[in-house]
Amino acid sequence: MTEDNLKLTIPIGALDKPYKELTINIERDGYSFPVKDIHHVLTEATTFSDDSLKIPLTTEQLINQLEEMHEVTFTADERVHAAEDLDAINYYRISAFRRKDMLKGHMSYTELITLYQFDRYLRESLSRLTPAIEVYLKTSLARFISTNYDKYKSEDSVYTGGQAYLDENIYKTKRSSQIDVKRMLSMFAESLTGKIAKDNMIRHHVIKYGGKIPIWVLFEEITFGQFSKFVSLLRHDLLKDWCSEVLPSVPTVPTSSGINSWITAVQILRNTTAHSSKIYGQSLPYNPKFLDEDIQLLEGIENKSEATEKFQNTFFSGLLAMKKFYQDLRTSDLESWNSFLCKIDNKVKSSEVIDIEKLGFPSEWHTVLRISN
């Protein structure tokens, strides 16, 4: 039974007389275990089985499994350190760096944990670096739309600059986009309504301003993912004008697909770090656009299609997207960015086990990503 085909069965005789009232209780089923593909997202060719789960292992048994199954070698001291690590870190987080496609042959536990610690460094660094971009983009777009609203508003608009986001004229005109806008604004309103009891700023605007929420307050409340969706629905000329203001250090004024692809890349990196997901050796679900000036910095790359083919889904392309925004942040932010790159470089040079190709880094990565003072 699908959402569009719900069937309500009424008992025989329940409506045996005209105008008879009938009380109906509706209860939605809940999800349950074991988890099944009830929404049919897997392909029809998928073969299912019902094997027994693996037997839980003790810390010592997990160490033995690393040794026997993954060819990880241990000294006496390394076994002690491994036991401490495995009591605090899930086995699968550590063993993920010993997949067959990561390294061949035997590997010491010290080398294995070095890869884990390097990946953790990348995640922790991004958790400090991505918020600066989010705050910058939200602040600049709220200010740009509210102060330039007269240029984009509907002729019969009843809104001030602070409520420009409620004017459908600032968004794409396609019917599907307009539907997405209505759905998005409804979700925003639902979220803000739920915050009245616990958010002083929202409660203040409900009490003092009749519930009118200015765009600079709205952007402080929505997630980066919601902000990314908002940007993707803006009309092209507005987006292009904002890009010229927010990215003055980018020689080429990006297309709407370009700026959207960069924001999406930053958002995905932010979410990856928030969920403590692995970065080293991973294919990331984004494909940020390359510009002509990017190609000039990449050795052996002739055009954008070559760059896309080689670097899409890599950590490198995500950092290149972040660089575009960091170029126009404060001097202190720029210094943090360059310091991050230097520390990566030092960690790579001091370790024989870290392979920059697992991050999609070209040999000239430091020069490409570094921002000149």
Protein backbone atom coordinates (compact mmCIF):
# COMPACT_ATOMS: atom_id res chain seq x y z
CA MET A 1 0.00 0.00 0.00
CA THR A 2 1.45 3.36 -1.02
CA GLU A 3 0.90 6.88 0.30
CA ASP A 4 -1.37 7.59 -2.66
CA ASN A 5 -3.39 4.41 -2.25
CA LEU A 6 -4.60 4.09 1.34
CA LYS A 7 -7.55 1.78 1.87
CA LEU A 8 -10.02 2.26 4.73
CA THR A 9 -12.15 -0.80 5.47
CA ILE A 10 -15.43 -0.20 7.35
CA PRO A 11 -17.09 -3.10 9.23
CA ILE A 12 -20.25 -4.57 7.70
CA GLY A 13 -23.33 -2.83 9.05
CA ALA A 14 -21.44 0.13 10.46
CA LEU A 15 -23.29 2.51 8.14
CA ASP A 16 -26.64 0.78 7.99
CA LYS A 17 -28.70 3.96 8.53
CA PRO A 18 -28.68 7.37 6.80
CA TYR A 19 -26.76 10.14 8.64
CA LYS A 20 -25.45 7.71 11.19
CA GLU A 21 -22.23 8.95 12.79
CA LEU A 22 -19.21 6.68 12.79
CA THR A 23 -16.19 7.12 15.03
CA ILE A 24 -12.97 6.13 13.29
CA ASN A 25 -9.67 5.61 15.09
CA ILE A 26 -6.62 5.73 12.83
CA GLU A 27 -3.27 4.48 14.02
CA ARG A 28 -0.12 4.52 11.95
CA ASP A 29 2.11 1.44 12.06
CA GLY A 30 5.62 1.98 13.41
CA TYR A 31 8.92 0.78 12.01
CA SER A 32 10.34 -2.33 13.60
CA PHE A 33 13.31 -4.70 13.63
CA PRO A 34 14.69 -6.51 11.76
CA VAL A 35 15.07 -3.71 9.22
CA LYS A 36 13.56 -4.48 5.82
CA ASP A 37 13.71 -2.66 2.48
CA ILE A 38 10.02 -1.69 2.68
CA HIS A 39 10.51 1.38 0.44
CA HIS A 40 12.22 -0.75 -2.25
CA VAL A 41 15.32 1.38 -2.68
CA LEU A 42 17.52 -1.63 -3.44
CA THR A 43 17.63 -3.07 -6.94
CA GLU A 44 15.50 -6.05 -7.90
CA ALA A 45 18.70 -8.00 -8.55
CA THR A 46 19.70 -7.76 -4.89
CA THR A 47 20.00 -11.17 -3.28
CA PHE A 48 18.95 -11.32 0.38
CA SER A 49 19.99 -13.88 2.96
CA ASP A 50 19.32 -14.43 6.64
CA ASP A 51 22.73 -15.36 8.04
CA SER A 52 23.44 -15.32 11.74
CA LEU A 53 25.18 -12.22 13.11
CA LYS A 54 28.87 -12.38 13.92
CA ILE A 55 29.69 -13.48 17.45
CA PRO A 56 30.68 -10.55 19.74
CA LEU A 57 34.40 -10.51 20.43
CA THR A 58 36.44 -9.42 23.42
CA THR A 59 39.18 -6.82 23.10
CA GLU A 60 41.85 -9.52 22.98
CA GLN A 61 39.94 -11.41 20.31
CA LEU A 62 39.62 -8.23 18.22
CA ILE A 63 43.38 -7.75 18.41
CA ASN A 64 43.85 -11.33 17.25
CA GLN A 65 41.45 -10.70 14.39
CA LEU A 66 43.45 -7.68 13.26
CA GLU A 67 46.51 -9.87 13.36
CA GLU A 68 45.08 -12.89 11.58
CA MET A 69 42.58 -11.41 9.13
CA HIS A 70 44.17 -8.04 8.35
CA GLU A 71 47.87 -8.91 8.64
CA VAL A 72 48.52 -6.29 11.31
CA THR A 73 51.67 -6.96 13.33
CA PHE A 74 52.03 -6.17 17.03
CA THR A 75 54.92 -5.71 19.43
CA ALA A 76 54.20 -6.24 23.12
CA ASP A 77 53.81 -2.48 23.63
CA GLU A 78 51.56 -2.18 20.59
CA ARG A 79 49.22 -4.85 21.98
CA VAL A 80 48.87 -2.80 25.16
CA HIS A 81 48.12 0.37 23.16
CA ALA A 82 45.72 -1.51 20.90
CA ALA A 83 43.76 -2.77 23.90
CA GLU A 84 43.44 0.79 25.21
CA ASP A 85 42.36 2.06 21.80
CA LEU A 86 39.80 -0.68 21.18
CA ASP A 87 38.21 -0.06 24.58
CA ALA A 88 37.55 3.53 23.48
CA ILE A 89 37.18 3.28 19.67
CA ASN A 90 34.92 0.98 17.69
CA TYR A 91 36.86 -1.84 16.03
CA TYR A 92 35.37 -0.99 12.63
CA ARG A 93 36.66 2.58 12.82
CA ILE A 94 40.22 1.31 13.19
CA SER A 95 40.06 -1.74 10.93
CA ALA A 96 38.59 0.40 8.12
CA PHE A 97 42.11 1.68 7.47
CA ARG A 98 43.29 -1.85 6.81
CA ARG A 99 40.99 -2.66 3.94
CA LYS A 100 42.70 -4.52 1.11
CA ASP A 101 42.45 -1.46 -1.15
CA MET A 102 44.28 0.71 1.39
CA LEU A 103 47.65 -1.02 1.73
CA LYS A 104 49.21 -4.30 0.67
CA GLY A 105 51.29 -6.64 2.80
CA HIS A 106 51.88 -6.61 6.53
CA MET A 107 51.39 -3.44 8.51
CA SER A 108 52.29 -2.59 12.08
CA TYR A 109 49.63 -1.48 14.52
CA THR A 110 51.48 1.82 14.90
CA GLU A 111 51.10 2.44 11.17
CA LEU A 112 47.43 1.49 11.30
CA ILE A 113 46.61 3.82 14.19
CA THR A 114 48.62 6.58 12.49
CA LEU A 115 46.14 6.50 9.60
CA TYR A 116 43.21 6.61 12.02
CA GLN A 117 44.73 9.55 13.90
CA PHE A 118 45.46 11.39 10.65
CA ASP A 119 41.85 10.94 9.57
CA ARG A 120 40.69 12.18 12.96
CA TYR A 121 42.91 15.24 12.57
CA LEU A 122 41.26 16.01 9.22
CA ARG A 123 37.78 15.67 10.72
CA GLU A 124 38.55 17.75 13.80
CA SER A 125 40.16 20.46 11.67
CA LEU A 126 37.17 20.64 9.34
CA SER A 127 34.84 20.90 12.32
CA ARG A 128 36.69 24.12 13.18
CA LEU A 129 37.06 25.42 9.61
CA THR A 130 33.63 24.86 8.02
CA PRO A 131 31.56 26.95 10.51
CA ALA A 132 33.41 30.12 9.41
CA ILE A 133 32.14 29.57 5.87
CA GLU A 134 28.59 28.86 7.02
CA VAL A 135 28.45 32.01 9.16
CA TYR A 136 30.00 34.12 6.38
CA LEU A 137 27.56 32.92 3.73
CA LYS A 138 24.49 33.30 5.92
CA THR A 139 25.52 36.76 7.10
CA SER A 140 26.40 38.06 3.64
CA LEU A 141 23.32 36.67 1.88
CA ALA A 142 20.91 37.95 4.55
CA ARG A 143 22.47 41.41 4.26
CA PHE A 144 22.58 41.33 0.45
CA ILE A 145 18.95 40.29 -0.03
CA SER A 146 17.57 42.63 2.63
CA THR A 147 19.50 45.71 1.47
CA ASN A 148 19.04 45.10 -2.28
CA TYR A 149 15.45 43.87 -2.16
CA ASP A 150 14.08 46.78 -4.21
CA LYS A 151 15.93 45.42 -7.25
CA TYR A 152 14.29 41.99 -7.11
CA LYS A 153 10.90 42.43 -5.44
CA SER A 154 7.46 41.92 -6.95
CA GLU A 155 5.64 45.07 -8.09
CA ASP A 156 2.87 44.50 -5.57
CA SER A 157 5.14 43.33 -2.75
CA VAL A 158 3.95 44.11 0.78
CA TYR A 159 7.22 43.01 2.38
CA THR A 160 10.15 45.01 3.69
CA GLY A 161 13.74 43.96 3.06
CA GLY A 162 13.79 41.92 6.24
CA GLN A 163 11.02 39.68 4.93
CA ALA A 164 12.23 39.52 1.33
CA TYR A 165 12.48 35.74 1.59
CA LEU A 166 8.64 35.58 1.59
CA ASP A 167 8.42 37.18 -1.87
CA GLU A 168 8.19 34.47 -4.53
CA ASN A 169 9.76 36.88 -7.02
CA ILE A 170 13.27 36.33 -5.62
CA TYR A 171 13.10 32.64 -6.49
CA LYS A 172 13.19 30.64 -9.72
CA THR A 173 9.96 30.78 -11.70
CA LYS A 174 9.64 27.11 -12.66
CA ARG A 175 6.51 25.56 -11.18
CA SER A 176 8.50 22.77 -9.53
CA SER A 177 10.80 25.35 -7.93
CA GLN A 178 7.86 27.41 -6.68
CA ILE A 179 6.40 24.29 -5.07
CA ASP A 180 9.76 23.60 -3.45
CA VAL A 181 9.81 27.19 -2.15
CA LYS A 182 6.40 26.84 -0.53
CA ARG A 183 7.39 23.54 1.03
CA MET A 184 10.68 25.01 2.26
CA LEU A 185 9.04 28.08 3.83
CA SER A 186 6.44 25.87 5.48
CA MET A 187 9.20 23.76 7.01
CA PHE A 188 10.98 26.90 8.22
CA ALA A 189 7.77 28.16 9.83
CA GLU A 190 7.12 24.78 11.46
CA SER A 191 10.64 24.71 12.90
CA LEU A 192 10.43 28.27 14.24
CA THR A 193 7.01 27.65 15.75
CA GLY A 194 8.45 24.75 17.68
CA LYS A 195 11.17 27.04 19.10
CA ILE A 196 8.86 29.68 20.61
CA ALA A 197 9.00 28.09 24.07
CA LYS A 198 12.79 27.68 24.21
CA ASP A 199 14.34 30.30 21.92
CA ASN A 200 14.34 33.84 23.34
CA MET A 201 14.94 35.45 19.96
CA ILE A 202 11.98 33.72 18.30
CA ARG A 203 9.73 34.34 21.30
CA HIS A 204 10.72 38.04 21.21
CA HIS A 205 9.73 38.36 17.54
CA VAL A 206 6.44 36.57 18.12
CA ILE A 207 5.51 38.82 21.04
CA LYS A 208 6.85 42.16 19.80
CA TYR A 209 6.59 41.88 16.01
CA GLY A 210 3.56 39.62 15.56
CA GLY A 211 5.63 36.67 14.44
CA LYS A 212 7.40 38.49 11.60
CA ILE A 213 10.88 36.96 11.41
CA PRO A 214 13.61 38.94 9.60
CA ILE A 215 15.90 37.05 7.26
CA TRP A 216 18.97 37.65 9.45
CA VAL A 217 17.22 35.88 12.33
CA LEU A 218 15.87 33.13 10.07
CA PHE A 219 19.35 32.27 8.79
CA GLU A 220 20.64 31.95 12.36
CA GLU A 221 17.97 29.33 13.04
CA ILE A 222 18.09 27.13 9.94
CA THR A 223 20.68 24.42 9.32
CA PHE A 224 23.44 24.69 6.74
CA GLY A 225 21.60 22.07 4.66
CA GLN A 226 18.44 24.18 4.71
CA PHE A 227 20.47 27.24 3.79
CA SER A 228 21.99 25.33 0.87
CA LYS A 229 18.49 24.46 -0.34
CA PHE A 230 17.45 28.12 -0.02
CA VAL A 231 20.38 29.24 -2.17
CA SER A 232 19.61 26.61 -4.82
CA LEU A 233 16.11 28.06 -5.29
CA LEU A 234 17.15 31.71 -5.77
CA ARG A 235 16.76 33.29 -9.19
CA HIS A 236 19.93 33.31 -11.26
CA ASP A 237 20.52 37.07 -11.53
CA LEU A 238 20.18 37.56 -7.77
CA LEU A 239 22.56 34.70 -7.12
CA LYS A 240 25.08 36.04 -9.62
CA ASP A 241 24.97 39.52 -8.09
CA TRP A 242 25.49 38.09 -4.60
CA CYS A 243 28.45 36.02 -5.82
CA SER A 244 30.11 39.14 -7.19
CA GLU A 245 29.88 40.66 -3.73
CA VAL A 246 30.63 37.62 -1.57
CA LEU A 247 33.47 36.19 -3.71
CA PRO A 248 35.46 39.20 -4.94
CA SER A 249 38.71 37.19 -4.93
CA VAL A 250 37.34 34.65 -7.41
CA PRO A 251 38.34 36.00 -10.87
CA THR A 252 35.51 34.23 -12.66
CA VAL A 253 32.00 35.09 -11.48
CA PRO A 254 30.57 31.62 -10.96
CA THR A 255 27.35 30.33 -12.44
CA SER A 256 24.52 29.40 -10.11
CA SER A 257 25.45 25.73 -10.52
CA GLY A 258 29.01 26.61 -9.53
CA ILE A 259 28.21 28.40 -6.28
CA ASN A 260 25.63 25.76 -5.41
CA SER A 261 28.15 22.97 -5.99
CA TRP A 262 30.69 24.66 -3.71
CA ILE A 263 28.19 25.22 -0.92
CA THR A 264 27.04 21.61 -1.24
CA ALA A 265 30.64 20.39 -0.97
CA VAL A 266 31.22 22.41 2.20
CA GLN A 267 27.91 21.21 3.63
CA ILE A 268 28.79 17.57 2.97
CA LEU A 269 32.23 17.97 4.53
CA ARG A 270 30.62 19.61 7.54
CA ASN A 271 28.11 16.77 7.89
CA THR A 272 30.87 14.19 7.44
CA THR A 273 32.82 15.63 10.35
CA ALA A 274 29.69 16.07 12.49
CA HIS A 275 28.94 12.36 12.13
CA SER A 276 32.60 11.39 12.67
CA SER A 277 32.62 9.67 9.29
CA LYS A 278 35.83 8.56 7.61
CA ILE A 279 37.52 10.87 5.10
CA TYR A 280 40.82 9.16 4.22
CA GLY A 281 40.35 6.95 1.18
CA GLN A 282 36.65 7.80 0.86
CA SER A 283 34.68 8.83 -2.22
CA LEU A 284 32.59 11.81 -1.15
CA PRO A 285 29.11 12.47 -2.65
CA TYR A 286 29.78 15.82 -4.30
CA ASN A 287 31.22 17.22 -7.51
CA PRO A 288 32.19 20.89 -7.05
CA LYS A 289 32.71 22.84 -10.27
CA PHE A 290 36.19 23.76 -11.46
CA LEU A 291 37.02 27.21 -12.82
CA ASP A 292 39.55 28.18 -15.49
CA GLU A 293 41.89 29.56 -12.84
CA ASP A 294 41.78 26.19 -11.06
CA ILE A 295 42.89 24.39 -14.21
CA GLN A 296 45.89 26.73 -14.59
CA LEU A 297 47.18 25.61 -11.20
CA LEU A 298 46.81 21.88 -11.87
CA GLU A 299 49.74 20.29 -13.65
CA GLY A 300 48.87 18.01 -16.55
CA ILE A 301 45.20 19.05 -16.58
CA GLU A 302 44.09 20.66 -19.83
CA ASN A 303 40.42 21.42 -19.24
CA LYS A 304 37.52 21.25 -16.79
CA SER A 305 36.31 17.86 -17.96
CA GLU A 306 39.73 16.35 -17.23
CA ALA A 307 39.75 17.95 -13.79
CA THR A 308 36.25 16.70 -13.05
CA GLU A 309 37.08 13.17 -14.15
CA LYS A 310 40.23 13.03 -12.02
CA PHE A 311 39.15 14.90 -8.89
CA GLN A 312 35.38 14.55 -8.50
CA ASN A 313 34.32 12.99 -5.20
CA THR A 314 37.78 13.57 -3.71
CA PHE A 315 38.67 15.33 -0.48
CA PHE A 316 40.91 17.59 -2.57
CA SER A 317 38.04 18.99 -4.64
CA GLY A 318 36.10 19.70 -1.45
CA LEU A 319 39.05 21.65 -0.02
CA LEU A 320 39.33 23.57 -3.29
CA ALA A 321 35.70 24.61 -2.86
CA MET A 322 36.40 25.70 0.73
CA LYS A 323 39.40 27.74 -0.45
CA LYS A 324 37.15 29.86 -2.68
CA PHE A 325 35.26 31.09 0.38
CA TYR A 326 38.27 31.37 2.68
CA GLN A 327 39.96 33.76 0.26
CA ASP A 328 37.53 36.47 1.35
CA LEU A 329 37.33 35.78 5.06
CA ARG A 330 39.23 37.62 7.77
CA THR A 331 43.02 37.54 8.02
CA SER A 332 42.80 35.35 11.11
CA ASP A 333 40.64 32.84 9.21
CA LEU A 334 43.08 32.85 6.30
CA GLU A 335 45.93 32.12 8.71
CA SER A 336 43.98 29.22 10.20
CA TRP A 337 43.44 27.80 6.71
CA ASN A 338 47.11 27.98 5.72
CA SER A 339 48.14 26.55 9.08
CA PHE A 340 45.81 23.59 8.46
CA LEU A 341 47.51 22.92 5.11
CA CYS A 342 50.99 23.16 6.64
CA LYS A 343 50.08 20.67 9.35
CA ILE A 344 48.77 18.22 6.75
CA ASP A 345 52.03 18.63 4.86
CA ASN A 346 54.10 17.99 8.00
CA LYS A 347 52.09 14.90 8.92
CA VAL A 348 52.47 13.48 5.44
CA LYS A 349 56.22 14.13 5.34
CA SER A 350 56.80 12.64 8.80
CA SER A 351 54.93 9.43 8.00
CA GLU A 352 55.71 6.69 5.50
CA VAL A 353 52.21 5.29 5.68
CA ILE A 354 50.04 8.31 4.76
CA ASP A 355 49.30 8.33 1.03
CA ILE A 356 48.03 11.68 -0.26
CA GLU A 357 46.57 9.97 -3.31
CA LYS A 358 43.97 8.49 -0.94
CA LEU A 359 42.72 12.08 -0.54
CA GLY A 360 42.82 12.77 -4.27
CA PHE A 361 45.70 15.21 -3.75
CA PRO A 362 47.86 16.04 -6.78
CA SER A 363 51.59 16.49 -6.15
CA GLU A 364 51.21 20.28 -6.22
CA TRP A 365 48.26 20.28 -3.78
CA HIS A 366 49.84 22.63 -1.24
CA THR A 367 50.46 25.32 -3.86
CA VAL A 368 46.97 24.94 -5.30
CA LEU A 369 45.17 25.16 -1.95
CA ARG A 370 47.31 27.74 -0.19
CA ILE A 371 45.97 31.32 -0.02
CA SER A 372 48.47 34.14 -0.48
CA ASN A 373 48.50 36.85 2.17
